[in-house]
Amino acid sequence: MTDDFLARIAGALERMAPPPAATPDWHGATAFVWHASPDHLAPVPRVNRVDLTLLHGIDRARDTLLANTAQFARGLPANNALLWGARGMGKSSLVKSVHAACLGAAPDLKLVEVQREDLPSIGRLLTLLRAAPVRVILFCDDLSFSHDDQHYKSLKAVLDGGVEGRPENVLFYATSNRRHLMPRDMIENERSSAINPSEAVEEKVSLSDRFGLWLGFHPCTQDEYLTMIRGYCAVYGVDVPDSRLIAEAIEWQATRGSRSGRVAWQFFCDLAGREGVVV
């Protein structure tokens, strides 16, 4: 091949390659969402979150994550965190609320959400974040992996793998209904079909081990459920007799067949609508 022919091939490949992600205006927003193809960080004008004081029944997880985030915001060592457990108990709400609670003392602390489907592009995102003049909480909501899903390998570089490692200014928080991120039957299948079963299972489980913090969320009690609703009523000015609130709230949870922070909020929205209160 001639040098001219090789140069034309190189030029064609460069034209086909996606352009590098543009540097966002880091001071234009407190939160961003990562989008791949084309790569860019979209600012979030208004983050969907609740005040930290309205999250009840998760006191230990709240205090632990808040302390960890405050350490990171001050430039001190901090751990990646996996928030796992019961549905609707405020895992993602806690991440967003803790971020908001730390902004007063650390205005340069940013929240960047990445979708599970975009994990293969996470290396390019880390390259962008490594050069950022801010500290970043990288957040993936509802993280889990199914059969034959190889996205988890991309995630290892975020946590502590790879030659470069995790950027010093980046911390990773994830929420999941599963403690080990993989369905149990997937792990059992690896054990039964692999040449070395223990090594196959170890690779799957090791992903969770890379999180320094495991924060468990469990179903709330009825008292905690009612406390959540009373808190919403106090903040938004919904004034109803407590006996009526208790009766209707318990009936609502019975129709849903579950009790959680999400169910408490859904009941409150229904109650506020019937009372003519805008939330």
Protein backbone atom coordinates (compact mmCIF):
# COMPACT_ATOMS: atom_id res chain seq x y z
CA MET A 1 0.00 0.00 0.00
CA THR A 2 1.19 3.53 -0.81
CA ASP A 3 1.55 6.22 1.83
CA ASP A 4 -1.14 8.27 0.07
CA PHE A 5 -3.61 5.35 0.23
CA LEU A 6 -2.91 4.80 3.94
CA ALA A 7 -3.36 8.52 4.60
CA ARG A 8 -6.74 8.48 2.87
CA ILE A 9 -7.83 5.49 4.98
CA ALA A 10 -6.73 7.27 8.17
CA GLY A 11 -8.59 10.40 7.12
CA ALA A 12 -11.77 8.45 6.42
CA LEU A 13 -11.59 6.74 9.81
CA GLU A 14 -11.15 10.10 11.55
CA ARG A 15 -14.21 11.48 9.78
CA MET A 16 -16.25 8.44 10.85
CA ALA A 17 -15.17 8.66 14.49
CA PRO A 18 -17.51 10.58 16.80
CA PRO A 19 -16.25 14.01 17.85
CA PRO A 20 -14.98 14.35 21.44
CA ALA A 21 -17.59 15.39 23.98
CA ALA A 22 -17.83 19.13 24.44
CA THR A 23 -16.81 20.50 27.84
CA PRO A 24 -20.00 21.49 29.67
CA ASP A 25 -20.56 24.70 31.58
CA TRP A 26 -19.88 23.20 34.99
CA HIS A 27 -21.10 26.29 36.79
CA GLY A 28 -24.36 26.49 34.85
CA ALA A 29 -26.07 23.64 36.76
CA THR A 30 -25.65 21.44 39.82
CA ALA A 31 -26.59 18.21 38.02
CA PHE A 32 -26.07 16.70 34.57
CA VAL A 33 -27.17 13.63 32.62
CA TRP A 34 -24.69 11.73 30.45
CA HIS A 35 -25.86 10.83 26.94
CA ALA A 36 -23.89 8.64 24.54
CA SER A 37 -24.05 8.81 20.73
CA PRO A 38 -23.20 11.63 20.53
CA ASP A 39 -21.36 11.98 23.82
CA HIS A 40 -22.45 14.99 25.85
CA LEU A 41 -23.46 16.08 29.33
CA ALA A 42 -26.88 17.70 29.44
CA PRO A 43 -27.51 20.12 32.33
CA VAL A 44 -30.57 19.50 34.52
CA PRO A 45 -32.34 22.82 35.21
CA ARG A 46 -34.35 21.46 38.15
CA VAL A 47 -33.42 18.26 39.97
CA ASN A 48 -36.34 16.07 41.07
CA ARG A 49 -35.61 15.60 44.78
CA VAL A 50 -37.05 16.00 48.26
CA ASP A 51 -35.58 17.61 51.35
CA LEU A 52 -33.34 15.32 53.39
CA THR A 53 -35.49 15.88 56.49
CA LEU A 54 -38.49 14.25 54.76
CA LEU A 55 -36.74 10.89 54.41
CA HIS A 56 -37.78 8.75 57.37
CA GLY A 57 -36.95 5.18 58.38
CA ILE A 58 -33.47 5.23 56.80
CA ASP A 59 -31.57 7.16 59.48
CA ARG A 60 -28.42 5.03 59.52
CA ALA A 61 -28.08 4.97 55.73
CA ARG A 62 -28.78 8.73 55.61
CA ASP A 63 -26.12 9.61 58.17
CA THR A 64 -23.52 7.28 56.64
CA LEU A 65 -23.99 8.52 53.08
CA LEU A 66 -24.08 12.15 54.18
CA ALA A 67 -20.80 11.80 56.07
CA ASN A 68 -19.16 9.96 53.15
CA THR A 69 -20.30 12.62 50.66
CA ALA A 70 -19.16 15.48 52.89
CA GLN A 71 -15.70 13.89 53.13
CA PHE A 72 -15.49 13.61 49.36
CA ALA A 73 -16.67 17.19 48.86
CA ARG A 74 -13.83 18.40 51.11
CA GLY A 75 -11.25 16.47 49.11
CA LEU A 76 -10.86 13.73 51.72
CA PRO A 77 -10.89 9.95 51.06
CA ALA A 78 -14.37 8.50 50.53
CA ASN A 79 -15.92 5.24 49.35
CA ASN A 80 -18.06 4.30 46.39
CA ALA A 81 -21.51 3.33 47.69
CA LEU A 82 -24.08 0.71 46.74
CA LEU A 83 -27.58 1.41 48.06
CA TRP A 84 -29.51 -1.85 47.84
CA GLY A 85 -32.74 -3.32 49.12
CA ALA A 86 -36.51 -2.85 49.20
CA ARG A 87 -38.29 -1.05 46.41
CA GLY A 88 -39.57 2.46 47.04
CA MET A 89 -37.63 3.04 50.25
CA GLY A 90 -35.79 6.15 49.07
CA LYS A 91 -32.50 4.84 47.65
CA SER A 92 -32.31 7.23 44.70
CA SER A 93 -34.05 9.99 46.66
CA LEU A 94 -31.34 9.76 49.31
CA VAL A 95 -28.53 10.19 46.79
CA LYS A 96 -30.13 13.32 45.33
CA SER A 97 -31.05 14.74 48.74
CA VAL A 98 -27.57 14.17 50.18
CA HIS A 99 -26.05 15.91 47.17
CA ALA A 100 -28.34 18.90 47.75
CA ALA A 101 -27.51 18.95 51.46
CA CYS A 102 -23.78 19.21 50.69
CA LEU A 103 -24.09 22.01 48.11
CA GLY A 104 -24.12 24.78 50.71
CA ALA A 105 -20.61 23.95 51.88
CA ALA A 106 -19.41 22.59 48.53
CA PRO A 107 -21.00 24.46 45.58
CA ASP A 108 -18.59 22.77 43.14
CA LEU A 109 -19.97 19.31 43.96
CA LYS A 110 -21.84 18.06 40.87
CA LEU A 111 -24.17 15.12 40.33
CA VAL A 112 -23.87 13.27 37.01
CA GLU A 113 -26.39 10.54 36.22
CA VAL A 114 -25.48 7.75 33.81
CA GLN A 115 -27.96 5.18 32.53
CA ARG A 116 -27.12 1.49 32.79
CA GLU A 117 -27.44 1.18 29.01
CA ASP A 118 -24.67 3.76 28.57
CA LEU A 119 -22.11 1.98 30.75
CA PRO A 120 -20.03 0.87 27.72
CA SER A 121 -19.28 4.57 27.12
CA ILE A 122 -18.17 5.17 30.69
CA GLY A 123 -14.49 5.24 29.80
CA ARG A 124 -15.08 8.28 27.60
CA LEU A 125 -17.10 9.91 30.37
CA LEU A 126 -14.29 9.37 32.88
CA THR A 127 -11.83 11.00 30.49
CA LEU A 128 -14.07 14.06 30.40
CA LEU A 129 -14.60 14.11 34.17
CA ARG A 130 -10.91 13.61 34.96
CA ALA A 131 -10.18 17.06 33.53
CA ALA A 132 -13.19 18.75 35.16
CA PRO A 133 -12.50 21.58 37.65
CA VAL A 134 -15.20 20.22 39.98
CA ARG A 135 -15.86 17.16 42.13
CA VAL A 136 -18.42 14.74 40.71
CA ILE A 137 -20.77 12.13 42.15
CA LEU A 138 -21.39 9.70 39.30
CA PHE A 139 -24.83 8.18 39.88
CA CYS A 140 -26.45 5.10 38.29
CA ASP A 141 -30.01 4.35 39.38
CA ASP A 142 -31.53 0.86 39.40
CA LEU A 143 -28.27 -0.88 38.52
CA SER A 144 -28.54 -4.60 37.83
CA PHE A 145 -27.38 -7.09 35.23
CA SER A 146 -29.23 -9.90 33.48
CA HIS A 147 -28.11 -13.06 31.71
CA ASP A 148 -25.32 -12.60 29.14
CA ASP A 149 -25.04 -8.92 30.12
CA GLN A 150 -21.42 -7.82 29.84
CA HIS A 151 -21.97 -4.18 30.87
CA TYR A 152 -20.70 -4.98 34.36
CA LYS A 153 -17.17 -5.28 32.98
CA SER A 154 -17.27 -1.62 31.90
CA LEU A 155 -18.26 -0.65 35.43
CA LYS A 156 -15.18 -2.16 37.05
CA ALA A 157 -13.01 0.65 35.64
CA VAL A 158 -15.20 3.22 37.40
CA LEU A 159 -14.88 1.55 40.77
CA ASP A 160 -11.17 0.85 41.07
CA GLY A 161 -9.95 -1.10 38.04
CA GLY A 162 -7.92 -0.16 35.00
CA VAL A 163 -4.45 1.32 34.67
CA GLU A 164 -5.57 4.89 35.31
CA GLY A 165 -8.04 3.97 38.04
CA ARG A 166 -10.97 6.09 39.14
CA PRO A 167 -10.32 9.83 38.83
CA GLU A 168 -9.58 11.48 42.18
CA ASN A 169 -12.45 13.91 41.66
CA VAL A 170 -15.08 11.23 40.90
CA LEU A 171 -17.13 9.10 43.30
CA PHE A 172 -19.62 6.44 42.21
CA TYR A 173 -23.03 5.85 43.83
CA ALA A 174 -25.44 3.19 42.57
CA THR A 175 -28.85 1.90 43.65
CA SER A 176 -30.12 -1.63 43.12
CA ASN A 177 -32.74 -4.02 44.40
CA ARG A 178 -30.03 -6.71 44.50
CA ARG A 179 -27.12 -6.80 46.87
CA HIS A 180 -24.85 -8.58 44.39
CA LEU A 181 -26.29 -6.88 41.26
CA MET A 182 -26.70 -10.27 39.52
CA PRO A 183 -29.80 -12.50 39.67
CA ARG A 184 -29.25 -15.57 41.84
CA ASP A 185 -30.04 -18.01 39.02
CA MET A 186 -27.38 -16.32 36.87
CA ILE A 187 -24.75 -16.94 39.56
CA GLU A 188 -25.94 -20.53 40.04
CA ASN A 189 -25.77 -21.13 36.28
CA GLU A 190 -22.18 -19.90 36.23
CA ARG A 191 -21.35 -22.28 39.08
CA SER A 192 -22.86 -25.30 37.31
CA SER A 193 -21.49 -24.72 33.82
CA ALA A 194 -18.03 -23.20 34.32
CA ILE A 195 -14.81 -25.20 34.17
CA ASN A 196 -13.80 -23.57 37.45
CA PRO A 197 -17.10 -22.72 39.17
CA SER A 198 -15.59 -20.75 42.05
CA GLU A 199 -13.70 -18.43 39.69
CA ALA A 200 -16.79 -17.80 37.54
CA VAL A 201 -18.90 -16.89 40.55
CA GLU A 202 -16.10 -14.80 42.03
CA GLU A 203 -16.02 -12.59 38.92
CA LYS A 204 -19.74 -11.85 39.25
CA VAL A 205 -19.76 -11.21 42.99
CA SER A 206 -16.53 -9.19 42.98
CA LEU A 207 -18.32 -6.27 41.35
CA SER A 208 -20.31 -5.61 44.54
CA ASP A 209 -17.15 -6.01 46.62
CA ARG A 210 -15.66 -3.01 44.86
CA PHE A 211 -18.14 -0.74 46.65
CA GLY A 212 -16.68 0.38 49.97
CA LEU A 213 -20.14 1.12 51.39
CA TRP A 214 -23.10 -1.25 51.27
CA LEU A 215 -26.20 0.49 52.60
CA GLY A 216 -29.24 -1.76 53.06
CA PHE A 217 -32.84 -0.52 52.77
CA HIS A 218 -35.64 -2.57 54.30
CA PRO A 219 -39.45 -2.32 54.31
CA CYS A 220 -40.71 0.34 56.70
CA THR A 221 -42.97 -0.17 59.68
CA GLN A 222 -46.49 1.23 59.81
CA ASP A 223 -45.36 3.95 62.23
CA GLU A 224 -42.58 5.03 59.85
CA TYR A 225 -45.03 4.97 56.94
CA LEU A 226 -47.42 7.30 58.83
CA THR A 227 -44.54 9.54 59.93
CA MET A 228 -43.56 10.02 56.27
CA ILE A 229 -47.10 11.10 55.38
CA ARG A 230 -47.37 13.46 58.36
CA GLY A 231 -44.08 15.03 57.32
CA TYR A 232 -45.35 15.72 53.80
CA CYS A 233 -48.59 17.17 55.21
CA ALA A 234 -46.65 19.53 57.49
CA VAL A 235 -44.34 20.79 54.73
CA TYR A 236 -47.05 21.30 52.09
CA GLY A 237 -49.75 22.55 54.41
CA VAL A 238 -52.28 19.73 54.12
CA ASP A 239 -54.37 19.93 57.30
CA VAL A 240 -56.63 16.93 57.99
CA PRO A 241 -57.60 15.23 61.27
CA ASP A 242 -55.02 12.65 62.29
CA SER A 243 -57.66 9.96 62.76
CA ARG A 244 -58.80 10.42 59.16
CA LEU A 245 -55.22 10.46 57.89
CA ILE A 246 -54.42 7.18 59.67
CA ALA A 247 -57.56 5.41 58.45
CA GLU A 248 -57.13 6.48 54.82
CA ALA A 249 -53.37 5.85 54.78
CA ILE A 250 -53.79 2.31 56.11
CA GLU A 251 -56.55 1.62 53.59
CA TRP A 252 -54.29 2.93 50.80
CA GLN A 253 -51.40 0.65 51.79
CA ALA A 254 -53.78 -2.31 51.99
CA THR A 255 -54.94 -1.74 48.41
CA ARG A 256 -51.33 -1.55 47.25
CA GLY A 257 -50.26 -4.62 49.18
CA SER A 258 -47.09 -2.93 50.38
CA ARG A 259 -45.70 -0.18 52.57
CA SER A 260 -42.83 2.07 51.50
CA GLY A 261 -41.74 5.66 51.08
CA ARG A 262 -43.01 5.61 47.51
CA VAL A 263 -46.44 4.39 48.62
CA ALA A 264 -46.50 7.10 51.30
CA TRP A 265 -45.79 9.78 48.69
CA GLN A 266 -48.43 8.39 46.33
CA PHE A 267 -51.03 8.47 49.09
CA PHE A 268 -50.03 12.02 50.01
CA CYS A 269 -50.38 13.17 46.39
CA ASP A 270 -53.89 11.70 46.31
CA LEU A 271 -54.76 13.34 49.63
CA ALA A 272 -53.34 16.72 48.60
CA GLY A 273 -55.28 16.60 45.33
CA ARG A 274 -58.54 15.89 47.16
CA GLU A 275 -57.79 18.77 49.55
CA GLY A 276 -57.02 21.15 46.68
CA VAL A 277 -53.37 21.68 47.69
CA VAL A 278 -50.72 22.11 44.99
CA VAL A 279 -47.43 20.30 45.71
